[in-house]
Amino acid sequence: MKFVKIATYVLLAILVLLQYPLWFGSGGVVAVWRLNREIAAQEQENAQLKDRNQALEADVNDLKQGLAAIEERARTELGMVKKGEVFFQVIEQPRDKIPPADKKPKP
């Protein structure tokens, strides 16, 4: 009877020792779960970078092919104006300095 208990404990210990690398070893389940999460994050980042690269490629093609894209960039980024055009600059007041509509300043 004592031999059966000892054999049971020995077999249980062997089972635990064999299961440890499966769960916690370098190629274990925990490592695979971690790698799967890292792969998903990398794929998402790659998709975002691919979209950005396609947008940049489209901009480059526009700049190579036509003057409209160059003109648009000159207007928006450099503030350039064509001959004969009038430039208006609207400066908005910060919201905290605008008086409420129902309380107009007294003259």
N, C-alpha and C. Protein backbone atom coordinates (compact mmCIF):
# COMPACT_ATOMS: atom_id res chain seq x y z
N MET A 1 0.82 -1.19 0.00
CA MET A 1 0.00 0.00 0.00
C MET A 1 0.88 1.26 0.00
N LYS A 2 1.94 1.23 0.79
CA LYS A 2 2.85 2.34 0.86
C LYS A 2 3.55 2.54 -0.48
N PHE A 3 3.85 1.45 -1.17
CA PHE A 3 4.50 1.51 -2.47
C PHE A 3 3.62 2.22 -3.49
N VAL A 4 2.31 2.00 -3.42
CA VAL A 4 1.37 2.62 -4.37
C VAL A 4 1.32 4.14 -4.15
N LYS A 5 1.35 4.58 -2.90
CA LYS A 5 1.34 6.02 -2.61
C LYS A 5 2.62 6.66 -3.13
N ILE A 6 3.76 6.01 -2.88
CA ILE A 6 5.03 6.56 -3.33
C ILE A 6 5.07 6.60 -4.86
N ALA A 7 4.60 5.54 -5.51
CA ALA A 7 4.58 5.50 -6.97
C ALA A 7 3.67 6.59 -7.53
N THR A 8 2.54 6.83 -6.86
CA THR A 8 1.61 7.88 -7.30
C THR A 8 2.28 9.25 -7.21
N TYR A 9 2.95 9.54 -6.11
CA TYR A 9 3.64 10.82 -5.94
C TYR A 9 4.78 11.00 -6.95
N VAL A 10 5.50 9.91 -7.18
CA VAL A 10 6.60 9.98 -8.15
C VAL A 10 6.05 10.26 -9.55
N LEU A 11 5.00 9.57 -9.93
CA LEU A 11 4.40 9.79 -11.26
C LEU A 11 3.81 11.20 -11.37
N LEU A 12 3.20 11.68 -10.29
CA LEU A 12 2.66 13.04 -10.29
C LEU A 12 3.79 14.07 -10.44
N ALA A 13 4.90 13.85 -9.77
CA ALA A 13 6.05 14.76 -9.88
C ALA A 13 6.61 14.74 -11.29
N ILE A 14 6.69 13.57 -11.89
CA ILE A 14 7.17 13.46 -13.27
C ILE A 14 6.23 14.19 -14.22
N LEU A 15 4.94 14.06 -14.00
CA LEU A 15 3.95 14.74 -14.83
C LEU A 15 4.12 16.26 -14.73
N VAL A 16 4.30 16.76 -13.51
CA VAL A 16 4.49 18.20 -13.31
C VAL A 16 5.78 18.67 -13.99
N LEU A 17 6.85 17.89 -13.84
CA LEU A 17 8.11 18.26 -14.47
C LEU A 17 8.02 18.24 -15.99
N LEU A 18 7.22 17.36 -16.55
CA LEU A 18 7.05 17.32 -18.00
C LEU A 18 6.14 18.46 -18.49
N GLN A 19 5.21 18.90 -17.67
CA GLN A 19 4.28 19.95 -18.07
C GLN A 19 4.92 21.35 -17.98
N TYR A 20 5.88 21.53 -17.09
CA TYR A 20 6.48 22.84 -16.90
C TYR A 20 7.04 23.44 -18.19
N PRO A 21 7.88 22.71 -18.95
CA PRO A 21 8.39 23.31 -20.20
C PRO A 21 7.28 23.59 -21.21
N LEU A 22 6.23 22.78 -21.18
CA LEU A 22 5.12 22.99 -22.11
C LEU A 22 4.45 24.34 -21.86
N TRP A 23 4.29 24.72 -20.61
CA TRP A 23 3.60 25.94 -20.27
C TRP A 23 4.53 27.14 -20.16
N PHE A 24 5.69 26.96 -19.53
CA PHE A 24 6.54 28.10 -19.21
C PHE A 24 7.89 28.10 -19.90
N GLY A 25 8.20 27.13 -20.72
CA GLY A 25 9.48 27.07 -21.41
C GLY A 25 9.57 28.07 -22.54
N SER A 26 10.70 28.08 -23.24
CA SER A 26 10.92 29.06 -24.31
C SER A 26 9.94 28.87 -25.47
N GLY A 27 9.49 27.66 -25.71
CA GLY A 27 8.51 27.42 -26.77
C GLY A 27 7.16 27.06 -26.21
N GLY A 28 6.92 27.44 -24.96
CA GLY A 28 5.69 27.06 -24.27
C GLY A 28 4.50 27.91 -24.67
N VAL A 29 3.38 27.56 -24.07
CA VAL A 29 2.11 28.21 -24.39
C VAL A 29 2.16 29.70 -24.05
N VAL A 30 2.75 30.05 -22.92
CA VAL A 30 2.82 31.46 -22.52
C VAL A 30 3.65 32.26 -23.54
N ALA A 31 4.76 31.69 -23.98
CA ALA A 31 5.59 32.37 -24.97
C ALA A 31 4.85 32.53 -26.30
N VAL A 32 4.09 31.54 -26.69
CA VAL A 32 3.33 31.60 -27.93
C VAL A 32 2.26 32.68 -27.83
N TRP A 33 1.57 32.76 -26.70
CA TRP A 33 0.56 33.82 -26.51
C TRP A 33 1.20 35.20 -26.62
N ARG A 34 2.36 35.38 -25.99
CA ARG A 34 3.05 36.66 -26.03
C ARG A 34 3.46 37.00 -27.46
N LEU A 35 3.99 36.02 -28.17
CA LEU A 35 4.40 36.26 -29.56
C LEU A 35 3.21 36.59 -30.46
N ASN A 36 2.08 35.94 -30.23
CA ASN A 36 0.88 36.24 -31.03
C ASN A 36 0.42 37.68 -30.80
N ARG A 37 0.49 38.15 -29.55
CA ARG A 37 0.13 39.55 -29.28
C ARG A 37 1.10 40.50 -29.96
N GLU A 38 2.39 40.18 -29.92
CA GLU A 38 3.38 41.04 -30.57
C GLU A 38 3.20 41.05 -32.09
N ILE A 39 2.86 39.90 -32.65
CA ILE A 39 2.63 39.81 -34.10
C ILE A 39 1.43 40.67 -34.49
N ALA A 40 0.35 40.59 -33.71
CA ALA A 40 -0.84 41.39 -34.01
C ALA A 40 -0.52 42.88 -33.94
N ALA A 41 0.24 43.29 -32.93
CA ALA A 41 0.60 44.71 -32.81
C ALA A 41 1.48 45.15 -33.98
N GLN A 42 2.41 44.31 -34.38
CA GLN A 42 3.29 44.64 -35.50
C GLN A 42 2.52 44.72 -36.81
N GLU A 43 1.56 43.80 -37.01
CA GLU A 43 0.74 43.84 -38.23
C GLU A 43 -0.09 45.12 -38.28
N GLN A 44 -0.60 45.55 -37.13
CA GLN A 44 -1.38 46.79 -37.10
C GLN A 44 -0.49 47.99 -37.44
N GLU A 45 0.70 48.01 -36.86
CA GLU A 45 1.63 49.11 -37.16
C GLU A 45 2.03 49.09 -38.63
N ASN A 46 2.26 47.90 -39.18
CA ASN A 46 2.61 47.79 -40.60
C ASN A 46 1.49 48.30 -41.49
N ALA A 47 0.24 48.00 -41.13
CA ALA A 47 -0.89 48.48 -41.93
C ALA A 47 -0.95 50.01 -41.90
N GLN A 48 -0.71 50.62 -40.73
CA GLN A 48 -0.72 52.08 -40.63
C GLN A 48 0.41 52.68 -41.47
N LEU A 49 1.58 52.07 -41.40
CA LEU A 49 2.71 52.58 -42.17
C LEU A 49 2.48 52.40 -43.67
N LYS A 50 1.81 51.32 -44.04
CA LYS A 50 1.51 51.10 -45.46
C LYS A 50 0.56 52.18 -45.97
N ASP A 51 -0.46 52.52 -45.17
CA ASP A 51 -1.39 53.59 -45.55
C ASP A 51 -0.66 54.92 -45.69
N ARG A 52 0.23 55.20 -44.73
CA ARG A 52 0.99 56.45 -44.79
C ARG A 52 1.88 56.49 -46.03
N ASN A 53 2.52 55.36 -46.34
CA ASN A 53 3.38 55.31 -47.52
C ASN A 53 2.60 55.51 -48.81
N GLN A 54 1.39 54.93 -48.87
CA GLN A 54 0.56 55.12 -50.06
C GLN A 54 0.16 56.59 -50.21
N ALA A 55 -0.15 57.25 -49.10
CA ALA A 55 -0.51 58.68 -49.16
C ALA A 55 0.69 59.51 -49.62
N LEU A 56 1.87 59.19 -49.10
CA LEU A 56 3.07 59.91 -49.52
C LEU A 56 3.39 59.66 -50.98
N GLU A 57 3.19 58.44 -51.44
CA GLU A 57 3.43 58.11 -52.84
C GLU A 57 2.48 58.88 -53.75
N ALA A 58 1.22 58.99 -53.32
CA ALA A 58 0.25 59.76 -54.10
C ALA A 58 0.66 61.24 -54.16
N ASP A 59 1.14 61.78 -53.03
CA ASP A 59 1.60 63.17 -53.04
C ASP A 59 2.78 63.35 -53.99
N VAL A 60 3.71 62.43 -53.97
CA VAL A 60 4.88 62.52 -54.85
C VAL A 60 4.45 62.48 -56.30
N ASN A 61 3.53 61.58 -56.63
CA ASN A 61 3.04 61.48 -58.02
C ASN A 61 2.34 62.76 -58.43
N ASP A 62 1.54 63.35 -57.52
CA ASP A 62 0.86 64.60 -57.84
C ASP A 62 1.87 65.72 -58.10
N LEU A 63 2.90 65.77 -57.27
CA LEU A 63 3.91 66.82 -57.45
C LEU A 63 4.71 66.63 -58.73
N LYS A 64 4.92 65.39 -59.12
CA LYS A 64 5.68 65.13 -60.35
C LYS A 64 4.85 65.43 -61.60
N GLN A 65 3.54 65.22 -61.54
CA GLN A 65 2.73 65.28 -62.75
C GLN A 65 2.11 66.64 -63.03
N GLY A 66 1.73 67.37 -62.00
CA GLY A 66 0.99 68.59 -62.33
C GLY A 66 1.39 69.77 -61.49
N LEU A 67 1.03 70.94 -62.01
CA LEU A 67 1.33 72.17 -61.31
C LEU A 67 0.28 72.49 -60.25
N ALA A 68 -0.88 71.87 -60.32
CA ALA A 68 -1.95 72.16 -59.36
C ALA A 68 -1.52 71.78 -57.94
N ALA A 69 -0.87 70.66 -57.80
CA ALA A 69 -0.42 70.23 -56.46
C ALA A 69 0.67 71.16 -55.94
N ILE A 70 1.55 71.60 -56.82
CA ILE A 70 2.62 72.52 -56.40
C ILE A 70 2.01 73.86 -55.98
N GLU A 71 1.04 74.32 -56.75
CA GLU A 71 0.38 75.58 -56.42
C GLU A 71 -0.34 75.47 -55.07
N GLU A 72 -1.01 74.36 -54.86
CA GLU A 72 -1.74 74.16 -53.61
C GLU A 72 -0.78 74.19 -52.41
N ARG A 73 0.35 73.50 -52.54
CA ARG A 73 1.34 73.50 -51.46
C ARG A 73 1.89 74.91 -51.23
N ALA A 74 2.15 75.63 -52.30
CA ALA A 74 2.69 76.99 -52.17
C ALA A 74 1.70 77.88 -51.44
N ARG A 75 0.42 77.72 -51.73
CA ARG A 75 -0.59 78.54 -51.08
C ARG A 75 -0.77 78.19 -49.61
N THR A 76 -0.88 76.88 -49.31
CA THR A 76 -1.19 76.49 -47.94
C THR A 76 0.03 76.56 -47.02
N GLU A 77 1.16 76.08 -47.49
CA GLU A 77 2.33 75.99 -46.61
C GLU A 77 3.18 77.26 -46.60
N LEU A 78 3.23 77.95 -47.72
CA LEU A 78 4.08 79.14 -47.83
C LEU A 78 3.30 80.44 -47.83
N GLY A 79 1.98 80.38 -47.95
CA GLY A 79 1.14 81.57 -47.94
C GLY A 79 1.29 82.42 -49.19
N MET A 80 1.62 81.82 -50.31
CA MET A 80 1.82 82.58 -51.55
C MET A 80 0.48 82.95 -52.17
N VAL A 81 0.49 84.06 -52.90
CA VAL A 81 -0.71 84.60 -53.52
C VAL A 81 -0.39 84.92 -54.97
N LYS A 82 -1.36 84.66 -55.87
CA LYS A 82 -1.17 84.98 -57.29
C LYS A 82 -1.29 86.47 -57.52
N LYS A 83 -0.78 86.92 -58.67
CA LYS A 83 -0.94 88.32 -59.04
C LYS A 83 -2.42 88.61 -59.24
N GLY A 84 -2.85 89.73 -58.73
CA GLY A 84 -4.23 90.14 -58.90
C GLY A 84 -5.16 89.60 -57.81
N GLU A 85 -4.70 88.74 -56.96
CA GLU A 85 -5.53 88.22 -55.87
C GLU A 85 -5.36 89.10 -54.64
N VAL A 86 -6.40 89.11 -53.83
CA VAL A 86 -6.35 89.86 -52.58
C VAL A 86 -6.31 88.85 -51.44
N PHE A 87 -5.40 89.05 -50.51
CA PHE A 87 -5.23 88.14 -49.39
C PHE A 87 -5.92 88.72 -48.17
N PHE A 88 -6.80 87.93 -47.56
CA PHE A 88 -7.47 88.32 -46.33
C PHE A 88 -7.04 87.35 -45.24
N GLN A 89 -6.65 87.90 -44.11
CA GLN A 89 -6.30 87.06 -42.98
C GLN A 89 -7.30 87.33 -41.86
N VAL A 90 -7.98 86.29 -41.40
CA VAL A 90 -8.97 86.43 -40.34
C VAL A 90 -8.35 85.90 -39.06
N ILE A 91 -8.28 86.76 -38.07
CA ILE A 91 -7.72 86.35 -36.78
C ILE A 91 -8.88 86.25 -35.79
N GLU A 92 -9.06 85.08 -35.26
CA GLU A 92 -10.16 84.86 -34.32
C GLU A 92 -9.68 85.13 -32.91
N GLN A 93 -10.58 85.73 -32.11
CA GLN A 93 -10.26 85.94 -30.70
C GLN A 93 -10.43 84.63 -29.94
N PRO A 94 -9.64 84.44 -28.91
CA PRO A 94 -9.86 83.25 -28.08
C PRO A 94 -11.25 83.29 -27.46
N ARG A 95 -11.86 82.17 -27.26
CA ARG A 95 -13.24 82.09 -26.76
C ARG A 95 -13.41 82.73 -25.39
N ASP A 96 -12.39 82.70 -24.57
CA ASP A 96 -12.55 83.27 -23.23
C ASP A 96 -12.56 84.80 -23.25
N LYS A 97 -12.18 85.44 -24.35
CA LYS A 97 -12.18 86.90 -24.43
C LYS A 97 -13.39 87.45 -25.18
N ILE A 98 -14.20 86.58 -25.77
CA ILE A 98 -15.39 87.03 -26.50
C ILE A 98 -16.51 87.25 -25.48
N PRO A 99 -17.11 88.44 -25.45
CA PRO A 99 -18.21 88.67 -24.51
C PRO A 99 -19.44 87.87 -24.93
N PRO A 100 -20.24 87.40 -23.96
CA PRO A 100 -21.47 86.67 -24.30
C PRO A 100 -22.41 87.55 -25.11
N ALA A 101 -23.26 86.93 -25.93
CA ALA A 101 -24.15 87.67 -26.84
C ALA A 101 -25.16 88.49 -26.07
N ASP A 102 -25.62 88.04 -24.91
CA ASP A 102 -26.65 88.78 -24.17
C ASP A 102 -26.04 89.92 -23.33
N LYS A 103 -24.72 89.91 -23.14
CA LYS A 103 -24.06 90.96 -22.38
C LYS A 103 -23.12 91.73 -23.28
N LYS A 104 -23.68 92.71 -23.97
CA LYS A 104 -22.87 93.53 -24.86
C LYS A 104 -22.19 94.62 -24.04
N PRO A 105 -20.99 95.02 -24.44
CA PRO A 105 -20.31 96.09 -23.69
C PRO A 105 -21.09 97.40 -23.80
N LYS A 106 -21.10 98.14 -22.71
CA LYS A 106 -21.82 99.42 -22.67
C LYS A 106 -20.96 100.50 -23.29
N PRO A 107 -21.59 101.39 -24.09
CA PRO A 107 -20.81 102.46 -24.75
C PRO A 107 -20.41 103.56 -23.81
